[in-house]
């Protein structure tokens, strides 16, 4: 009996932590994606000033806002939340890696094409900001797997075989 209560408490804490992670990720992706769409001209100008080809720049101009909105919609939908967490992790790896390379001095001058609150940050602050959200995205994936795994045996009672209660998700 005591084991069941402890297990339920742990699951509840994981669920609360998971919900906080999702909320924080949404607080990142919603304003960032909307800002790119609302101030599209500024976003486009910032991307085209980056130290890569204009061809890549034009691809990014249209795919980044769409990708970020896809993350938002995936995180909001329970059915696609895992996909949202994976996409969030991938995009944060790319953004954090790009800033890391910039901080290592790969380019002489690197304009920031970022909007919202991020535009007022230094490159080092921006790096740690991104690193925080990268860790948050990875933590969300970890919690998603832990919560999914903890549902596998939820119908088992003492003295019964676990084989009869395995649910395939």
N, C-alpha and C. Protein backbone atom coordinates (compact mmCIF):
# COMPACT_ATOMS: atom_id res chain seq x y z
N UNK A 1 0.83 -1.20 0.00
CA UNK A 1 0.00 0.00 0.00
C UNK A 1 0.87 1.25 0.00
N UNK A 2 1.86 1.27 0.87
CA UNK A 2 2.74 2.43 0.97
C UNK A 2 3.53 2.64 -0.33
N UNK A 3 3.92 1.53 -0.96
CA UNK A 3 4.65 1.60 -2.22
C UNK A 3 3.79 2.24 -3.30
N UNK A 4 2.51 1.91 -3.35
CA UNK A 4 1.60 2.47 -4.33
C UNK A 4 1.46 3.97 -4.15
N UNK A 5 1.36 4.43 -2.92
CA UNK A 5 1.23 5.86 -2.66
C UNK A 5 2.50 6.59 -3.08
N UNK A 6 3.65 6.03 -2.74
CA UNK A 6 4.92 6.65 -3.12
C UNK A 6 5.04 6.72 -4.64
N UNK A 7 4.69 5.63 -5.32
CA UNK A 7 4.73 5.58 -6.77
C UNK A 7 3.81 6.64 -7.38
N UNK A 8 2.62 6.78 -6.84
CA UNK A 8 1.68 7.78 -7.34
C UNK A 8 2.19 9.19 -7.10
N UNK A 9 2.82 9.42 -5.94
CA UNK A 9 3.39 10.73 -5.65
C UNK A 9 4.51 11.08 -6.62
N UNK A 10 5.36 10.09 -6.90
CA UNK A 10 6.47 10.31 -7.84
C UNK A 10 5.93 10.61 -9.23
N UNK A 11 4.93 9.86 -9.65
CA UNK A 11 4.34 10.07 -10.97
C UNK A 11 3.72 11.47 -11.05
N UNK A 12 3.04 11.86 -9.98
CA UNK A 12 2.41 13.18 -9.95
C UNK A 12 3.46 14.29 -10.05
N UNK A 13 4.59 14.12 -9.35
CA UNK A 13 5.67 15.11 -9.41
C UNK A 13 6.27 15.18 -10.81
N UNK A 14 6.44 14.03 -11.44
CA UNK A 14 6.95 14.01 -12.82
C UNK A 14 5.98 14.70 -13.77
N UNK A 15 4.69 14.46 -13.57
CA UNK A 15 3.68 15.08 -14.43
C UNK A 15 3.68 16.60 -14.25
N UNK A 16 3.81 17.06 -13.02
CA UNK A 16 3.87 18.51 -12.77
C UNK A 16 5.12 19.10 -13.41
N UNK A 17 6.27 18.44 -13.25
CA UNK A 17 7.52 18.91 -13.86
C UNK A 17 7.38 18.94 -15.38
N UNK A 18 6.76 17.92 -15.94
CA UNK A 18 6.56 17.85 -17.39
C UNK A 18 5.70 19.00 -17.87
N UNK A 19 4.62 19.28 -17.15
CA UNK A 19 3.73 20.38 -17.53
C UNK A 19 4.45 21.73 -17.45
N UNK A 20 5.32 21.89 -16.47
CA UNK A 20 6.10 23.13 -16.34
C UNK A 20 7.05 23.26 -17.53
N UNK A 21 7.69 22.16 -17.90
CA UNK A 21 8.61 22.18 -19.05
C UNK A 21 7.85 22.59 -20.32
N UNK A 22 6.69 21.99 -20.55
CA UNK A 22 5.89 22.32 -21.74
C UNK A 22 5.49 23.79 -21.72
N UNK A 23 5.06 24.29 -20.56
CA UNK A 23 4.66 25.70 -20.45
C UNK A 23 5.84 26.63 -20.75
N UNK A 24 7.02 26.32 -20.21
CA UNK A 24 8.20 27.16 -20.46
C UNK A 24 8.61 27.13 -21.93
N UNK A 25 8.54 25.96 -22.54
CA UNK A 25 8.87 25.88 -23.97
C UNK A 25 7.87 26.67 -24.81
N UNK A 26 6.62 26.62 -24.42
CA UNK A 26 5.61 27.42 -25.14
C UNK A 26 5.86 28.91 -24.94
N UNK A 27 6.33 29.29 -23.74
CA UNK A 27 6.66 30.70 -23.50
C UNK A 27 7.84 31.15 -24.36
N UNK A 28 8.65 30.23 -24.81
CA UNK A 28 9.73 30.56 -25.74
C UNK A 28 9.20 30.59 -27.18
N UNK A 29 8.61 29.49 -27.63
CA UNK A 29 8.30 29.33 -29.05
C UNK A 29 7.14 30.18 -29.54
N UNK A 30 6.14 30.44 -28.72
CA UNK A 30 5.00 31.24 -29.18
C UNK A 30 5.43 32.66 -29.53
N UNK A 31 6.05 33.42 -28.60
CA UNK A 31 6.42 34.80 -28.97
C UNK A 31 7.49 34.87 -30.06
N UNK A 32 8.42 33.93 -30.06
CA UNK A 32 9.48 33.96 -31.06
C UNK A 32 8.91 33.74 -32.46
N UNK A 33 8.00 32.78 -32.60
CA UNK A 33 7.42 32.52 -33.92
C UNK A 33 6.50 33.65 -34.36
N UNK A 34 5.71 34.17 -33.43
CA UNK A 34 4.81 35.27 -33.78
C UNK A 34 5.60 36.51 -34.16
N UNK A 35 6.68 36.79 -33.44
CA UNK A 35 7.51 37.96 -33.74
C UNK A 35 8.07 37.89 -35.15
N UNK A 36 8.49 36.70 -35.57
CA UNK A 36 9.03 36.55 -36.93
C UNK A 36 7.97 36.83 -37.98
N UNK A 37 6.74 36.44 -37.70
CA UNK A 37 5.66 36.65 -38.66
C UNK A 37 5.19 38.10 -38.66
N UNK A 38 5.01 38.67 -37.47
CA UNK A 38 4.52 40.05 -37.36
C UNK A 38 5.53 41.05 -37.91
N UNK A 39 6.81 40.85 -37.58
CA UNK A 39 7.86 41.76 -38.07
C UNK A 39 8.72 41.03 -39.10
N UNK A 40 8.05 40.52 -40.13
CA UNK A 40 8.70 39.69 -41.14
C UNK A 40 9.83 40.42 -41.85
N UNK A 41 9.64 41.69 -42.16
CA UNK A 41 10.67 42.46 -42.88
C UNK A 41 11.96 42.53 -42.08
N UNK A 42 11.85 42.77 -40.78
CA UNK A 42 13.02 42.85 -39.91
C UNK A 42 13.69 41.47 -39.78
N UNK A 43 12.87 40.44 -39.64
CA UNK A 43 13.40 39.07 -39.55
C UNK A 43 14.14 38.72 -40.84
N UNK A 44 13.54 39.02 -41.97
CA UNK A 44 14.15 38.73 -43.28
C UNK A 44 15.48 39.47 -43.42
N UNK A 45 15.50 40.74 -43.06
CA UNK A 45 16.73 41.54 -43.13
C UNK A 45 17.82 40.95 -42.24
N UNK A 46 17.45 40.54 -41.03
CA UNK A 46 18.41 39.96 -40.10
C UNK A 46 19.00 38.65 -40.61
N UNK A 47 18.16 37.81 -41.18
CA UNK A 47 18.64 36.52 -41.72
C UNK A 47 19.58 36.75 -42.91
N UNK A 48 19.23 37.69 -43.77
CA UNK A 48 20.05 37.92 -44.96
C UNK A 48 21.39 38.58 -44.63
N UNK A 49 21.55 39.08 -43.41
CA UNK A 49 22.83 39.65 -42.98
C UNK A 49 23.75 38.60 -42.35
N UNK A 50 23.24 37.39 -42.16
CA UNK A 50 24.03 36.33 -41.54
C UNK A 50 25.13 35.86 -42.50
N UNK A 51 26.20 35.27 -41.96
CA UNK A 51 27.35 34.89 -42.78
C UNK A 51 27.17 33.56 -43.53
N UNK A 52 26.03 33.40 -44.16
CA UNK A 52 25.84 32.25 -45.05
C UNK A 52 25.17 32.75 -46.32
N UNK A 53 25.06 31.89 -47.30
CA UNK A 53 24.55 32.31 -48.61
C UNK A 53 23.12 32.81 -48.52
N UNK A 54 22.79 33.70 -49.46
CA UNK A 54 21.42 34.21 -49.53
C UNK A 54 20.44 33.09 -49.88
N UNK A 55 20.91 32.09 -50.64
CA UNK A 55 20.03 30.97 -50.96
C UNK A 55 19.57 30.27 -49.69
N UNK A 56 20.52 29.98 -48.80
CA UNK A 56 20.17 29.38 -47.51
C UNK A 56 19.31 30.35 -46.69
N UNK A 57 19.65 31.62 -46.76
CA UNK A 57 18.88 32.64 -46.04
C UNK A 57 17.42 32.64 -46.45
N UNK A 58 17.16 32.58 -47.74
CA UNK A 58 15.77 32.59 -48.21
C UNK A 58 15.03 31.31 -47.80
N UNK A 59 15.73 30.20 -47.75
CA UNK A 59 15.10 28.97 -47.26
C UNK A 59 14.73 29.14 -45.79
N UNK A 60 15.66 29.67 -45.00
CA UNK A 60 15.42 29.86 -43.56
C UNK A 60 14.33 30.87 -43.28
N UNK A 61 14.24 31.90 -44.11
CA UNK A 61 13.23 32.94 -43.90
C UNK A 61 11.83 32.35 -43.86
N UNK A 62 11.60 31.37 -44.70
CA UNK A 62 10.26 30.79 -44.78
C UNK A 62 10.10 29.53 -43.94
N UNK A 63 11.18 28.81 -43.73
CA UNK A 63 11.03 27.55 -42.98
C UNK A 63 11.10 27.74 -41.47
N UNK A 64 11.91 28.68 -40.98
CA UNK A 64 12.04 28.85 -39.52
C UNK A 64 10.72 29.19 -38.84
N UNK A 65 9.98 30.22 -39.32
CA UNK A 65 8.70 30.50 -38.65
C UNK A 65 7.73 29.32 -38.73
N UNK A 66 7.70 28.64 -39.86
CA UNK A 66 6.81 27.48 -40.01
C UNK A 66 7.23 26.37 -39.06
N UNK A 67 8.52 26.14 -38.96
CA UNK A 67 9.06 25.10 -38.08
C UNK A 67 8.74 25.42 -36.62
N UNK A 68 8.91 26.69 -36.24
CA UNK A 68 8.62 27.11 -34.87
C UNK A 68 7.12 26.97 -34.55
N UNK A 69 6.27 27.32 -35.50
CA UNK A 69 4.83 27.15 -35.30
C UNK A 69 4.46 25.67 -35.20
N UNK A 70 5.14 24.83 -35.98
CA UNK A 70 4.92 23.39 -35.89
C UNK A 70 5.28 22.88 -34.49
N UNK A 71 6.36 23.41 -33.93
CA UNK A 71 6.74 23.05 -32.56
C UNK A 71 5.64 23.45 -31.58
N UNK A 72 5.13 24.67 -31.73
CA UNK A 72 4.07 25.16 -30.83
C UNK A 72 2.84 24.24 -30.91
N UNK A 73 2.37 23.98 -32.11
CA UNK A 73 1.17 23.15 -32.26
C UNK A 73 1.41 21.72 -31.77
N UNK A 74 2.62 21.22 -31.97
CA UNK A 74 2.95 19.87 -31.49
C UNK A 74 3.00 19.82 -29.97
N UNK A 75 3.55 20.84 -29.34
CA UNK A 75 3.63 20.86 -27.88
C UNK A 75 2.25 21.00 -27.24
N UNK A 76 1.35 21.69 -27.90
CA UNK A 76 0.01 21.89 -27.37
C UNK A 76 -0.81 20.60 -27.47
N UNK A 77 -0.58 19.82 -28.50
CA UNK A 77 -1.34 18.58 -28.73
C UNK A 77 -0.67 17.41 -28.01
N UNK A 78 -1.41 16.76 -27.13
CA UNK A 78 -0.84 15.60 -26.42
C UNK A 78 -0.40 14.51 -27.38
N UNK A 79 -1.13 14.34 -28.45
CA UNK A 79 -0.84 13.29 -29.43
C UNK A 79 0.52 13.51 -30.09
N UNK A 80 0.91 14.77 -30.32
CA UNK A 80 2.14 15.08 -31.03
C UNK A 80 3.21 15.71 -30.15
N UNK A 81 3.03 15.65 -28.84
CA UNK A 81 3.94 16.30 -27.90
C UNK A 81 5.37 15.78 -28.02
N UNK A 82 5.53 14.48 -28.22
CA UNK A 82 6.87 13.92 -28.37
C UNK A 82 7.56 14.53 -29.58
N UNK A 83 6.85 14.66 -30.68
CA UNK A 83 7.41 15.28 -31.89
C UNK A 83 7.81 16.71 -31.60
N UNK A 84 6.97 17.45 -30.88
CA UNK A 84 7.28 18.83 -30.52
C UNK A 84 8.54 18.93 -29.69
N UNK A 85 8.71 18.00 -28.75
CA UNK A 85 9.91 18.00 -27.91
C UNK A 85 11.15 17.66 -28.72
N UNK A 86 11.03 16.72 -29.64
CA UNK A 86 12.16 16.37 -30.50
C UNK A 86 12.54 17.55 -31.40
N UNK A 87 11.53 18.19 -32.01
CA UNK A 87 11.80 19.34 -32.88
C UNK A 87 12.39 20.51 -32.10
N UNK A 88 11.87 20.74 -30.90
CA UNK A 88 12.40 21.80 -30.05
C UNK A 88 13.86 21.53 -29.72
N UNK A 89 14.17 20.29 -29.39
CA UNK A 89 15.56 19.91 -29.08
C UNK A 89 16.45 20.13 -30.30
N UNK A 90 16.00 19.67 -31.46
CA UNK A 90 16.81 19.81 -32.68
C UNK A 90 17.07 21.28 -33.02
N UNK A 91 16.03 22.09 -32.96
CA UNK A 91 16.20 23.50 -33.30
C UNK A 91 17.09 24.21 -32.28
N UNK A 92 16.95 23.86 -31.01
CA UNK A 92 17.81 24.47 -29.99
C UNK A 92 19.26 24.02 -30.13
N UNK A 93 19.49 22.77 -30.58
CA UNK A 93 20.86 22.31 -30.85
C UNK A 93 21.47 23.16 -31.97
N UNK A 94 20.70 23.39 -33.03
CA UNK A 94 21.19 24.18 -34.16
C UNK A 94 21.46 25.62 -33.72
N UNK A 95 20.51 26.25 -33.05
CA UNK A 95 20.68 27.65 -32.61
C UNK A 95 21.85 27.79 -31.64
N UNK A 96 21.92 26.89 -30.66
CA UNK A 96 22.99 26.96 -29.66
C UNK A 96 24.34 26.69 -30.30
N UNK A 97 24.39 25.73 -31.21
CA UNK A 97 25.63 25.44 -31.93
C UNK A 97 26.09 26.62 -32.77
N UNK A 98 25.16 27.28 -33.44
CA UNK A 98 25.48 28.45 -34.28
C UNK A 98 26.06 29.57 -33.42
N UNK A 99 25.46 29.81 -32.28
CA UNK A 99 25.96 30.86 -31.39
C UNK A 99 27.31 30.44 -30.80
N UNK A 100 27.46 29.16 -30.47
CA UNK A 100 28.74 28.67 -29.96
C UNK A 100 29.86 28.87 -30.95
N UNK A 101 29.60 28.57 -32.23
CA UNK A 101 30.59 28.78 -33.29
C UNK A 101 30.91 30.26 -33.42
N UNK A 102 29.90 31.11 -33.33
CA UNK A 102 30.10 32.56 -33.40
C UNK A 102 30.97 33.04 -32.24
N UNK A 103 30.71 32.51 -31.04
CA UNK A 103 31.49 32.92 -29.86
C UNK A 103 32.95 32.46 -29.96
N UNK A 104 33.18 31.39 -30.70
CA UNK A 104 34.55 30.90 -30.90
C UNK A 104 35.31 31.73 -31.93
N UNK A 105 34.63 32.70 -32.54
CA UNK A 105 35.28 33.63 -33.44
C UNK A 105 35.31 33.20 -34.89
N UNK A 106 34.36 32.39 -35.31
CA UNK A 106 34.32 31.93 -36.69
C UNK A 106 34.10 33.08 -37.67
N UNK A 107 33.42 34.11 -37.23
CA UNK A 107 33.14 35.26 -38.08
C UNK A 107 33.56 36.52 -37.35
N UNK A 108 34.01 37.52 -38.11
CA UNK A 108 34.45 38.78 -37.49
C UNK A 108 33.30 39.50 -36.83
N UNK A 109 32.24 39.69 -37.56
CA UNK A 109 31.09 40.40 -37.03
C UNK A 109 29.84 39.59 -37.37
N UNK A 110 29.03 39.37 -36.37
CA UNK A 110 27.83 38.56 -36.58
C UNK A 110 26.61 39.33 -36.07
N UNK A 111 25.77 39.81 -37.00
CA UNK A 111 24.56 40.51 -36.55
C UNK A 111 23.55 39.53 -35.98
N UNK A 112 22.81 39.99 -35.02
CA UNK A 112 21.77 39.14 -34.43
C UNK A 112 20.46 39.40 -35.16
N UNK A 113 19.90 38.35 -35.73
CA UNK A 113 18.63 38.47 -36.44
C UNK A 113 17.47 38.09 -35.55
N UNK A 114 17.69 38.13 -34.25
CA UNK A 114 16.66 37.69 -33.31
C UNK A 114 15.73 38.84 -32.94
N UNK A 115 14.54 38.46 -32.56
CA UNK A 115 13.57 39.46 -32.13
C UNK A 115 13.21 39.27 -30.67
N UNK A 116 12.16 39.92 -30.28
CA UNK A 116 11.62 39.82 -28.91
C UNK A 116 12.66 40.20 -27.86
N UNK A 117 12.62 39.54 -26.74
CA UNK A 117 13.52 39.79 -25.62
C UNK A 117 14.95 39.43 -25.98
N UNK A 118 15.10 38.45 -26.83
CA UNK A 118 16.43 37.93 -27.17
C UNK A 118 17.30 38.98 -27.84
N UNK A 119 16.71 39.91 -28.55
CA UNK A 119 17.49 40.91 -29.30
C UNK A 119 18.32 41.81 -28.40
N UNK A 120 17.94 41.98 -27.16
CA UNK A 120 18.69 42.82 -26.24
C UNK A 120 19.81 42.10 -25.50
N UNK A 121 19.99 40.82 -25.77
CA UNK A 121 21.01 40.04 -25.06
C UNK A 121 22.37 40.12 -25.76
N UNK A 122 23.42 39.93 -24.96
CA UNK A 122 24.75 39.77 -25.54
C UNK A 122 24.82 38.36 -26.13
N UNK A 123 25.86 38.10 -26.91
CA UNK A 123 26.01 36.76 -27.49
C UNK A 123 26.20 35.70 -26.41
N UNK A 124 26.91 36.03 -25.35
CA UNK A 124 27.12 35.06 -24.26
C UNK A 124 25.80 34.81 -23.53
N UNK A 125 25.04 35.87 -23.25
CA UNK A 125 23.73 35.69 -22.62
C UNK A 125 22.81 34.85 -23.50
N UNK A 126 22.85 35.14 -24.79
CA UNK A 126 22.03 34.42 -25.76
C UNK A 126 22.42 32.94 -25.79
N UNK A 127 23.71 32.64 -25.70
CA UNK A 127 24.19 31.26 -25.68
C UNK A 127 23.62 30.52 -24.46
N UNK A 128 23.72 31.12 -23.29
CA UNK A 128 23.23 30.46 -22.08
C UNK A 128 21.70 30.38 -22.06
N UNK A 129 21.04 31.37 -22.61
CA UNK A 129 19.59 31.35 -22.77
C UNK A 129 19.19 30.14 -23.61
N UNK A 130 19.85 29.97 -24.76
CA UNK A 130 19.57 28.84 -25.64
C UNK A 130 19.93 27.51 -24.97
N UNK A 131 21.05 27.50 -24.27
CA UNK A 131 21.47 26.29 -23.57
C UNK A 131 20.43 25.86 -22.55
N UNK A 132 19.86 26.84 -21.83
CA UNK A 132 18.80 26.55 -20.86
C UNK A 132 17.61 25.88 -21.55
N UNK A 133 17.18 26.43 -22.68
CA UNK A 133 16.03 25.86 -23.38
C UNK A 133 16.36 24.54 -24.07
N UNK A 134 17.61 24.35 -24.42
CA UNK A 134 18.05 23.05 -24.94
C UNK A 134 17.94 21.99 -23.84
N UNK A 135 18.46 22.31 -22.66
CA UNK A 135 18.37 21.38 -21.52
C UNK A 135 16.90 21.14 -21.16
N UNK A 136 16.10 22.17 -21.22
CA UNK A 136 14.67 22.04 -20.93
C UNK A 136 13.99 21.10 -21.93
N UNK A 137 14.31 21.24 -23.21
CA UNK A 137 13.73 20.37 -24.24
C UNK A 137 14.14 18.92 -24.02
N UNK A 138 15.41 18.70 -23.71
CA UNK A 138 15.90 17.34 -23.44
C UNK A 138 15.23 16.78 -22.19
N UNK A 139 15.08 17.61 -21.17
CA UNK A 139 14.40 17.19 -19.94
C UNK A 139 12.95 16.81 -20.21
N UNK A 140 12.30 17.58 -21.08
CA UNK A 140 10.93 17.27 -21.46
C UNK A 140 10.82 15.92 -22.14
N UNK A 141 11.76 15.62 -23.03
CA UNK A 141 11.78 14.30 -23.67
C UNK A 141 12.00 13.20 -22.66
N UNK A 142 12.92 13.41 -21.75
CA UNK A 142 13.20 12.43 -20.69
C UNK A 142 11.93 12.17 -19.87
N UNK A 143 11.27 13.24 -19.45
CA UNK A 143 10.06 13.10 -18.64
C UNK A 143 8.94 12.44 -19.45
N UNK A 144 8.85 12.76 -20.74
CA UNK A 144 7.83 12.15 -21.58
C UNK A 144 8.01 10.63 -21.59
N UNK A 145 9.26 10.19 -21.77
CA UNK A 145 9.55 8.75 -21.77
C UNK A 145 9.28 8.12 -20.40
N UNK A 146 9.66 8.82 -19.33
CA UNK A 146 9.44 8.30 -17.98
C UNK A 146 7.93 8.17 -17.70
N UNK A 147 7.17 9.17 -18.06
CA UNK A 147 5.73 9.13 -17.82
C UNK A 147 5.06 8.06 -18.68
N UNK A 148 5.49 7.93 -19.89
CA UNK A 148 4.94 6.91 -20.79
C UNK A 148 5.25 5.53 -20.25
N UNK A 149 6.48 5.32 -19.79
CA UNK A 149 6.88 4.04 -19.24
C UNK A 149 6.16 3.71 -17.96
N UNK A 150 5.84 4.72 -17.17
CA UNK A 150 5.17 4.45 -15.88
C UNK A 150 3.71 4.08 -16.08
N UNK A 151 3.15 4.32 -17.27
CA UNK A 151 1.77 3.92 -17.56
C UNK A 151 1.68 2.44 -17.93
N UNK A 152 2.80 1.83 -18.26
CA UNK A 152 2.80 0.46 -18.77
C UNK A 152 2.18 -0.54 -17.80
N UNK A 153 2.43 -0.42 -16.53
CA UNK A 153 1.92 -1.40 -15.59
C UNK A 153 0.91 -0.84 -14.63
N UNK A 154 0.21 0.17 -15.01
CA UNK A 154 -0.67 0.87 -14.07
C UNK A 154 -1.85 0.04 -13.60
N UNK A 155 -2.22 -1.04 -14.32
CA UNK A 155 -3.37 -1.82 -13.92
C UNK A 155 -3.02 -3.05 -13.11
N UNK A 156 -1.77 -3.21 -12.72
CA UNK A 156 -1.34 -4.40 -12.00
C UNK A 156 -1.66 -4.25 -10.52
N UNK A 157 -2.26 -5.28 -9.97
CA UNK A 157 -2.49 -5.30 -8.53
C UNK A 157 -1.64 -6.40 -7.92
N UNK A 158 -1.44 -6.33 -6.64
CA UNK A 158 -0.59 -7.28 -5.93
C UNK A 158 -1.08 -8.71 -6.15
N UNK A 159 -0.14 -9.61 -6.48
CA UNK A 159 -0.46 -11.01 -6.65
C UNK A 159 -0.86 -11.39 -8.06
N UNK A 160 -0.98 -10.43 -8.97
CA UNK A 160 -1.36 -10.73 -10.35
C UNK A 160 -0.14 -10.72 -11.24
N UNK A 161 -0.25 -11.35 -12.38
CA UNK A 161 0.83 -11.41 -13.35
C UNK A 161 0.86 -10.13 -14.17
N UNK A 162 2.05 -9.60 -14.33
CA UNK A 162 2.22 -8.38 -15.12
C UNK A 162 2.00 -8.66 -16.60
N UNK A 163 2.20 -9.88 -17.04
CA UNK A 163 2.06 -10.23 -18.45
C UNK A 163 0.66 -9.95 -18.97
N UNK A 164 -0.33 -10.13 -18.13
CA UNK A 164 -1.72 -9.94 -18.59
C UNK A 164 -2.11 -8.47 -18.67
N UNK A 165 -1.28 -7.59 -18.13
CA UNK A 165 -1.66 -6.17 -18.03
C UNK A 165 -0.80 -5.26 -18.87
N UNK A 166 0.08 -5.78 -19.71
CA UNK A 166 0.95 -4.92 -20.52
C UNK A 166 0.10 -4.25 -21.59
N UNK A 167 0.24 -2.95 -21.66
CA UNK A 167 -0.47 -2.16 -22.68
C UNK A 167 0.55 -1.72 -23.71
N UNK A 168 0.26 -1.90 -24.95
CA UNK A 168 1.16 -1.46 -26.01
C UNK A 168 0.69 -0.11 -26.49
N UNK A 169 1.57 0.89 -26.34
CA UNK A 169 1.23 2.25 -26.73
C UNK A 169 1.72 2.56 -28.10
